[in-house]
């Protein structure tokens, strides 16, 4: 089950998401109209493989239908999530800055979201 935590005082206005994903967990940061910044952590099913469709679908569900989405993480998981997002929403043009990355912390993810939502 995903765990979510909200913080306030977010200034970005475009509905956006920044995701860091690997085969153990995903961190999804999204912004809300209210100004809240929401962090959600999602874990795959125990014993599931790297490309567990249920895990990827849960991450896409946490992202939601956003105008801009940045996906960070190791190549295999990042690309699998990109494909799942396009499969569900049919909007590849919304994927921005899809890139490999080492583990990003919450501060880096929030800063990327602020930049993405403000642009």
N, C-alpha and C. Protein backbone atom coordinates (compact mmCIF):
# COMPACT_ATOMS: atom_id res chain seq x y z
N UNK A 1 0.83 -1.18 0.00
CA UNK A 1 0.00 0.00 0.00
C UNK A 1 0.88 1.25 0.00
N UNK A 2 0.60 2.23 -0.86
CA UNK A 2 1.40 3.45 -0.90
C UNK A 2 1.25 4.24 0.40
N UNK A 3 2.32 4.90 0.78
CA UNK A 3 2.24 5.82 1.90
C UNK A 3 2.43 7.22 1.36
N UNK A 4 1.64 8.17 1.84
CA UNK A 4 1.69 9.53 1.34
C UNK A 4 1.83 10.50 2.49
N UNK A 5 2.48 11.61 2.21
CA UNK A 5 2.69 12.64 3.21
C UNK A 5 2.64 13.99 2.52
N UNK A 6 1.88 14.91 3.05
CA UNK A 6 1.74 16.24 2.42
C UNK A 6 2.51 17.28 3.22
N UNK A 7 3.09 18.22 2.50
CA UNK A 7 3.68 19.41 3.10
C UNK A 7 3.08 20.60 2.39
N UNK A 8 3.14 21.77 2.98
CA UNK A 8 2.50 22.93 2.38
C UNK A 8 3.51 23.93 1.86
N UNK A 9 3.00 25.04 1.35
CA UNK A 9 3.81 26.17 0.87
C UNK A 9 4.54 25.84 -0.42
N UNK A 10 3.88 25.18 -1.32
CA UNK A 10 4.44 24.88 -2.63
C UNK A 10 3.93 25.93 -3.60
N UNK A 11 4.81 26.49 -4.44
CA UNK A 11 4.41 27.62 -5.27
C UNK A 11 4.17 27.29 -6.74
N UNK A 12 4.57 26.11 -7.22
CA UNK A 12 4.37 25.76 -8.62
C UNK A 12 2.89 25.62 -8.97
N UNK A 13 2.51 26.06 -10.16
CA UNK A 13 1.09 26.06 -10.51
C UNK A 13 0.71 25.01 -11.54
N UNK A 14 1.65 24.55 -12.37
CA UNK A 14 1.31 23.53 -13.37
C UNK A 14 1.26 22.16 -12.71
N UNK A 15 0.18 21.39 -12.96
CA UNK A 15 0.10 20.04 -12.38
C UNK A 15 1.26 19.19 -12.89
N UNK A 16 2.16 18.85 -11.99
CA UNK A 16 3.41 18.17 -12.37
C UNK A 16 3.73 17.06 -11.38
N UNK A 17 4.65 16.20 -11.78
CA UNK A 17 5.12 15.12 -10.91
C UNK A 17 6.59 14.85 -11.20
N UNK A 18 7.32 14.52 -10.16
CA UNK A 18 8.70 14.03 -10.29
C UNK A 18 8.74 12.70 -9.57
N UNK A 19 9.29 11.70 -10.27
CA UNK A 19 9.32 10.33 -9.75
C UNK A 19 10.75 9.83 -9.72
N UNK A 20 11.13 9.20 -8.63
CA UNK A 20 12.37 8.42 -8.58
C UNK A 20 11.96 6.99 -8.35
N UNK A 21 12.42 6.08 -9.23
CA UNK A 21 12.00 4.67 -9.15
C UNK A 21 13.18 3.73 -9.27
N UNK A 22 13.12 2.63 -8.52
CA UNK A 22 14.01 1.50 -8.74
C UNK A 22 13.18 0.24 -8.48
N UNK A 23 13.82 -0.91 -8.37
CA UNK A 23 13.05 -2.14 -8.20
C UNK A 23 12.59 -2.38 -6.76
N UNK A 24 12.98 -1.52 -5.82
CA UNK A 24 12.59 -1.66 -4.42
C UNK A 24 11.51 -0.69 -3.97
N UNK A 25 11.48 0.50 -4.57
CA UNK A 25 10.48 1.49 -4.20
C UNK A 25 10.48 2.64 -5.20
N UNK A 26 9.43 3.43 -5.11
CA UNK A 26 9.32 4.64 -5.93
C UNK A 26 8.90 5.78 -5.02
N UNK A 27 9.47 6.94 -5.26
CA UNK A 27 9.05 8.17 -4.59
C UNK A 27 8.38 9.03 -5.65
N UNK A 28 7.14 9.43 -5.40
CA UNK A 28 6.39 10.27 -6.33
C UNK A 28 6.06 11.57 -5.61
N UNK A 29 6.51 12.69 -6.18
CA UNK A 29 6.19 14.01 -5.65
C UNK A 29 5.25 14.69 -6.63
N UNK A 30 4.12 15.17 -6.14
CA UNK A 30 3.15 15.88 -6.97
C UNK A 30 2.75 17.17 -6.27
N UNK A 31 2.26 18.11 -7.07
CA UNK A 31 1.75 19.35 -6.49
C UNK A 31 0.24 19.41 -6.64
N UNK A 32 -0.41 20.10 -5.72
CA UNK A 32 -1.86 20.24 -5.73
C UNK A 32 -2.23 21.71 -5.89
N UNK A 33 -3.44 21.96 -6.36
CA UNK A 33 -3.93 23.32 -6.53
C UNK A 33 -3.89 24.08 -5.20
N UNK A 34 -4.11 23.37 -4.11
CA UNK A 34 -4.13 23.99 -2.78
C UNK A 34 -2.77 24.51 -2.35
N UNK A 35 -1.71 24.15 -3.08
CA UNK A 35 -0.36 24.54 -2.70
C UNK A 35 0.39 23.46 -1.96
N UNK A 36 -0.26 22.32 -1.75
CA UNK A 36 0.41 21.21 -1.07
C UNK A 36 1.37 20.49 -1.99
N UNK A 37 2.44 20.01 -1.42
CA UNK A 37 3.39 19.13 -2.09
C UNK A 37 3.18 17.76 -1.47
N UNK A 38 2.81 16.77 -2.28
CA UNK A 38 2.51 15.44 -1.77
C UNK A 38 3.60 14.46 -2.18
N UNK A 39 4.19 13.78 -1.19
CA UNK A 39 5.16 12.71 -1.43
C UNK A 39 4.47 11.38 -1.18
N UNK A 40 4.61 10.46 -2.13
CA UNK A 40 4.07 9.11 -1.98
C UNK A 40 5.20 8.12 -2.20
N UNK A 41 5.30 7.13 -1.32
CA UNK A 41 6.29 6.07 -1.47
C UNK A 41 5.54 4.79 -1.78
N UNK A 42 5.99 4.08 -2.81
CA UNK A 42 5.32 2.86 -3.25
C UNK A 42 6.34 1.73 -3.30
N UNK A 43 5.97 0.59 -2.72
CA UNK A 43 6.83 -0.60 -2.73
C UNK A 43 6.18 -1.67 -3.59
N UNK A 44 6.99 -2.46 -4.32
CA UNK A 44 6.41 -3.56 -5.11
C UNK A 44 5.96 -4.69 -4.20
N UNK A 45 5.18 -5.61 -4.79
CA UNK A 45 4.78 -6.80 -4.05
C UNK A 45 6.03 -7.58 -3.65
N UNK A 46 6.03 -8.21 -2.48
CA UNK A 46 7.17 -9.04 -2.11
C UNK A 46 7.40 -10.14 -3.14
N UNK A 47 8.62 -10.32 -3.57
CA UNK A 47 8.97 -11.37 -4.52
C UNK A 47 8.68 -11.01 -5.97
N UNK A 48 8.16 -9.83 -6.24
CA UNK A 48 7.86 -9.43 -7.63
C UNK A 48 9.15 -9.07 -8.35
N UNK A 49 9.16 -9.23 -9.66
CA UNK A 49 10.33 -8.90 -10.47
C UNK A 49 10.46 -7.40 -10.71
N UNK A 50 11.54 -7.03 -11.40
CA UNK A 50 11.83 -5.63 -11.68
C UNK A 50 10.72 -4.94 -12.46
N UNK A 51 10.03 -5.66 -13.31
CA UNK A 51 9.02 -5.05 -14.18
C UNK A 51 7.61 -5.48 -13.80
N UNK A 52 7.36 -5.60 -12.52
CA UNK A 52 6.04 -5.97 -12.04
C UNK A 52 5.01 -4.93 -12.50
N UNK A 53 4.09 -5.35 -13.35
CA UNK A 53 3.11 -4.43 -13.94
C UNK A 53 2.24 -3.80 -12.85
N UNK A 54 1.89 -4.55 -11.83
CA UNK A 54 1.07 -4.00 -10.76
C UNK A 54 1.81 -2.85 -10.07
N UNK A 55 3.09 -3.04 -9.80
CA UNK A 55 3.92 -2.00 -9.18
C UNK A 55 3.96 -0.77 -10.06
N UNK A 56 4.25 -0.96 -11.35
CA UNK A 56 4.32 0.18 -12.27
C UNK A 56 2.98 0.88 -12.40
N UNK A 57 1.89 0.12 -12.45
CA UNK A 57 0.56 0.73 -12.54
C UNK A 57 0.24 1.54 -11.29
N UNK A 58 0.66 1.06 -10.14
CA UNK A 58 0.44 1.82 -8.89
C UNK A 58 1.23 3.12 -8.90
N UNK A 59 2.45 3.08 -9.45
CA UNK A 59 3.25 4.31 -9.55
C UNK A 59 2.58 5.29 -10.51
N UNK A 60 2.12 4.80 -11.66
CA UNK A 60 1.43 5.66 -12.63
C UNK A 60 0.16 6.24 -11.99
N UNK A 61 -0.55 5.45 -11.21
CA UNK A 61 -1.74 5.95 -10.52
C UNK A 61 -1.39 7.07 -9.56
N UNK A 62 -0.27 6.95 -8.85
CA UNK A 62 0.17 8.00 -7.93
C UNK A 62 0.58 9.27 -8.69
N UNK A 63 1.15 9.10 -9.88
CA UNK A 63 1.51 10.25 -10.71
C UNK A 63 0.25 10.98 -11.13
N UNK A 64 -0.73 10.25 -11.62
CA UNK A 64 -1.97 10.85 -12.09
C UNK A 64 -1.82 11.51 -13.44
N UNK A 65 -2.87 12.17 -13.86
CA UNK A 65 -2.92 12.82 -15.17
C UNK A 65 -2.33 14.23 -15.04
N UNK A 66 -1.04 14.34 -15.08
CA UNK A 66 -0.30 15.60 -14.88
C UNK A 66 0.14 16.17 -16.21
N UNK A 67 0.32 17.49 -16.27
CA UNK A 67 0.81 18.15 -17.49
C UNK A 67 2.26 17.82 -17.78
N UNK A 68 3.06 17.71 -16.72
CA UNK A 68 4.49 17.46 -16.88
C UNK A 68 4.94 16.41 -15.88
N UNK A 69 5.75 15.46 -16.37
CA UNK A 69 6.22 14.37 -15.53
C UNK A 69 7.70 14.15 -15.80
N UNK A 70 8.51 14.16 -14.75
CA UNK A 70 9.93 13.82 -14.85
C UNK A 70 10.16 12.50 -14.13
N UNK A 71 10.83 11.57 -14.79
CA UNK A 71 11.10 10.25 -14.22
C UNK A 71 12.60 10.08 -14.08
N UNK A 72 13.04 9.76 -12.88
CA UNK A 72 14.45 9.55 -12.57
C UNK A 72 14.66 8.14 -12.07
N UNK A 73 15.87 7.62 -12.24
CA UNK A 73 16.19 6.30 -11.72
C UNK A 73 17.02 5.51 -12.69
N UNK A 74 17.37 4.27 -12.30
CA UNK A 74 18.14 3.39 -13.18
C UNK A 74 17.38 3.11 -14.48
N UNK A 75 18.13 2.88 -15.56
CA UNK A 75 17.54 2.74 -16.89
C UNK A 75 16.37 1.77 -16.99
N UNK A 76 16.51 0.55 -16.51
CA UNK A 76 15.47 -0.45 -16.74
C UNK A 76 14.14 -0.06 -16.08
N UNK A 77 14.18 0.36 -14.83
CA UNK A 77 12.95 0.73 -14.15
C UNK A 77 12.38 2.03 -14.70
N UNK A 78 13.24 2.98 -14.99
CA UNK A 78 12.81 4.27 -15.53
C UNK A 78 12.11 4.09 -16.87
N UNK A 79 12.71 3.32 -17.76
CA UNK A 79 12.12 3.10 -19.07
C UNK A 79 10.84 2.27 -18.99
N UNK A 80 10.80 1.30 -18.08
CA UNK A 80 9.58 0.51 -17.89
C UNK A 80 8.44 1.40 -17.40
N UNK A 81 8.74 2.32 -16.48
CA UNK A 81 7.71 3.24 -15.99
C UNK A 81 7.28 4.20 -17.08
N UNK A 82 8.21 4.68 -17.89
CA UNK A 82 7.85 5.55 -19.01
C UNK A 82 6.87 4.83 -19.94
N UNK A 83 7.16 3.59 -20.29
CA UNK A 83 6.26 2.83 -21.18
C UNK A 83 4.89 2.61 -20.54
N UNK A 84 4.87 2.31 -19.25
CA UNK A 84 3.60 2.10 -18.55
C UNK A 84 2.78 3.40 -18.51
N UNK A 85 3.44 4.52 -18.28
CA UNK A 85 2.74 5.82 -18.26
C UNK A 85 2.09 6.11 -19.62
N UNK A 86 2.85 5.89 -20.69
CA UNK A 86 2.32 6.13 -22.04
C UNK A 86 1.20 5.14 -22.36
N UNK A 87 1.35 3.90 -21.93
CA UNK A 87 0.31 2.89 -22.15
C UNK A 87 -1.01 3.29 -21.48
N UNK A 88 -0.93 3.85 -20.30
CA UNK A 88 -2.14 4.20 -19.54
C UNK A 88 -2.72 5.55 -19.99
N UNK A 89 -1.88 6.57 -20.14
CA UNK A 89 -2.39 7.92 -20.44
C UNK A 89 -2.30 8.32 -21.91
N UNK A 90 -1.53 7.60 -22.72
CA UNK A 90 -1.38 7.92 -24.15
C UNK A 90 -0.89 9.35 -24.37
N UNK A 91 0.01 9.84 -23.50
CA UNK A 91 0.49 11.21 -23.59
C UNK A 91 2.02 11.26 -23.43
N UNK A 92 2.77 10.73 -24.41
CA UNK A 92 4.23 10.73 -24.27
C UNK A 92 4.83 12.13 -24.21
N UNK A 93 4.14 13.12 -24.76
CA UNK A 93 4.68 14.48 -24.77
C UNK A 93 4.74 15.09 -23.36
N UNK A 94 4.08 14.48 -22.41
CA UNK A 94 4.11 14.99 -21.03
C UNK A 94 5.36 14.56 -20.27
N UNK A 95 6.08 13.58 -20.81
CA UNK A 95 7.29 13.11 -20.14
C UNK A 95 8.44 14.08 -20.43
N UNK A 96 8.92 14.70 -19.37
CA UNK A 96 9.99 15.70 -19.46
C UNK A 96 11.19 15.19 -18.67
N UNK A 97 12.38 15.41 -19.19
CA UNK A 97 13.59 15.08 -18.44
C UNK A 97 13.63 13.65 -17.95
N UNK A 98 13.25 12.72 -18.79
CA UNK A 98 13.37 11.31 -18.42
C UNK A 98 14.85 10.97 -18.51
N UNK A 99 15.46 10.68 -17.37
CA UNK A 99 16.92 10.52 -17.35
C UNK A 99 17.37 9.55 -16.28
N UNK A 100 18.54 8.94 -16.49
CA UNK A 100 19.09 8.09 -15.44
C UNK A 100 19.52 8.96 -14.26
N UNK A 101 19.51 8.39 -13.09
CA UNK A 101 19.87 9.16 -11.91
C UNK A 101 20.21 8.23 -10.78
N UNK A 102 21.12 8.66 -9.93
CA UNK A 102 21.34 7.93 -8.69
C UNK A 102 20.20 8.31 -7.75
N UNK A 103 20.10 7.63 -6.64
CA UNK A 103 19.01 7.86 -5.70
C UNK A 103 18.93 9.34 -5.33
N UNK A 104 17.77 9.93 -5.58
CA UNK A 104 17.54 11.33 -5.24
C UNK A 104 16.84 11.40 -3.89
N UNK A 105 17.23 12.37 -3.08
CA UNK A 105 16.55 12.53 -1.79
C UNK A 105 15.32 13.42 -1.95
N UNK A 106 14.53 13.52 -0.89
CA UNK A 106 13.27 14.26 -0.95
C UNK A 106 13.49 15.74 -1.30
N UNK A 107 14.57 16.32 -0.83
CA UNK A 107 14.84 17.73 -1.11
C UNK A 107 15.10 17.93 -2.60
N UNK A 108 15.93 17.07 -3.20
CA UNK A 108 16.21 17.16 -4.63
C UNK A 108 14.95 16.94 -5.46
N UNK A 109 14.14 15.96 -5.07
CA UNK A 109 12.90 15.68 -5.79
C UNK A 109 11.96 16.88 -5.70
N UNK A 110 11.84 17.48 -4.52
CA UNK A 110 10.97 18.65 -4.34
C UNK A 110 11.47 19.83 -5.16
N UNK A 111 12.77 20.04 -5.21
CA UNK A 111 13.32 21.15 -6.00
C UNK A 111 13.07 20.94 -7.50
N UNK A 112 13.24 19.71 -7.96
CA UNK A 112 12.94 19.43 -9.37
C UNK A 112 11.46 19.66 -9.67
N UNK A 113 10.59 19.30 -8.74
CA UNK A 113 9.16 19.52 -8.92
C UNK A 113 8.84 21.01 -8.96
N UNK A 114 9.44 21.79 -8.07
CA UNK A 114 9.22 23.24 -8.09
C UNK A 114 9.62 23.84 -9.44
N UNK A 115 10.76 23.43 -9.95
CA UNK A 115 11.22 23.92 -11.24
C UNK A 115 10.28 23.49 -12.36
N UNK A 116 9.89 22.25 -12.37
CA UNK A 116 9.02 21.71 -13.40
C UNK A 116 7.64 22.37 -13.39
N UNK A 117 7.09 22.58 -12.22
CA UNK A 117 5.75 23.16 -12.08
C UNK A 117 5.73 24.66 -12.36
N UNK A 118 6.87 25.30 -12.27
CA UNK A 118 6.95 26.75 -12.48
C UNK A 118 7.24 27.13 -13.93
N UNK A 119 7.77 26.19 -14.69
CA UNK A 119 8.20 26.48 -16.06
C UNK A 119 7.02 26.67 -17.00
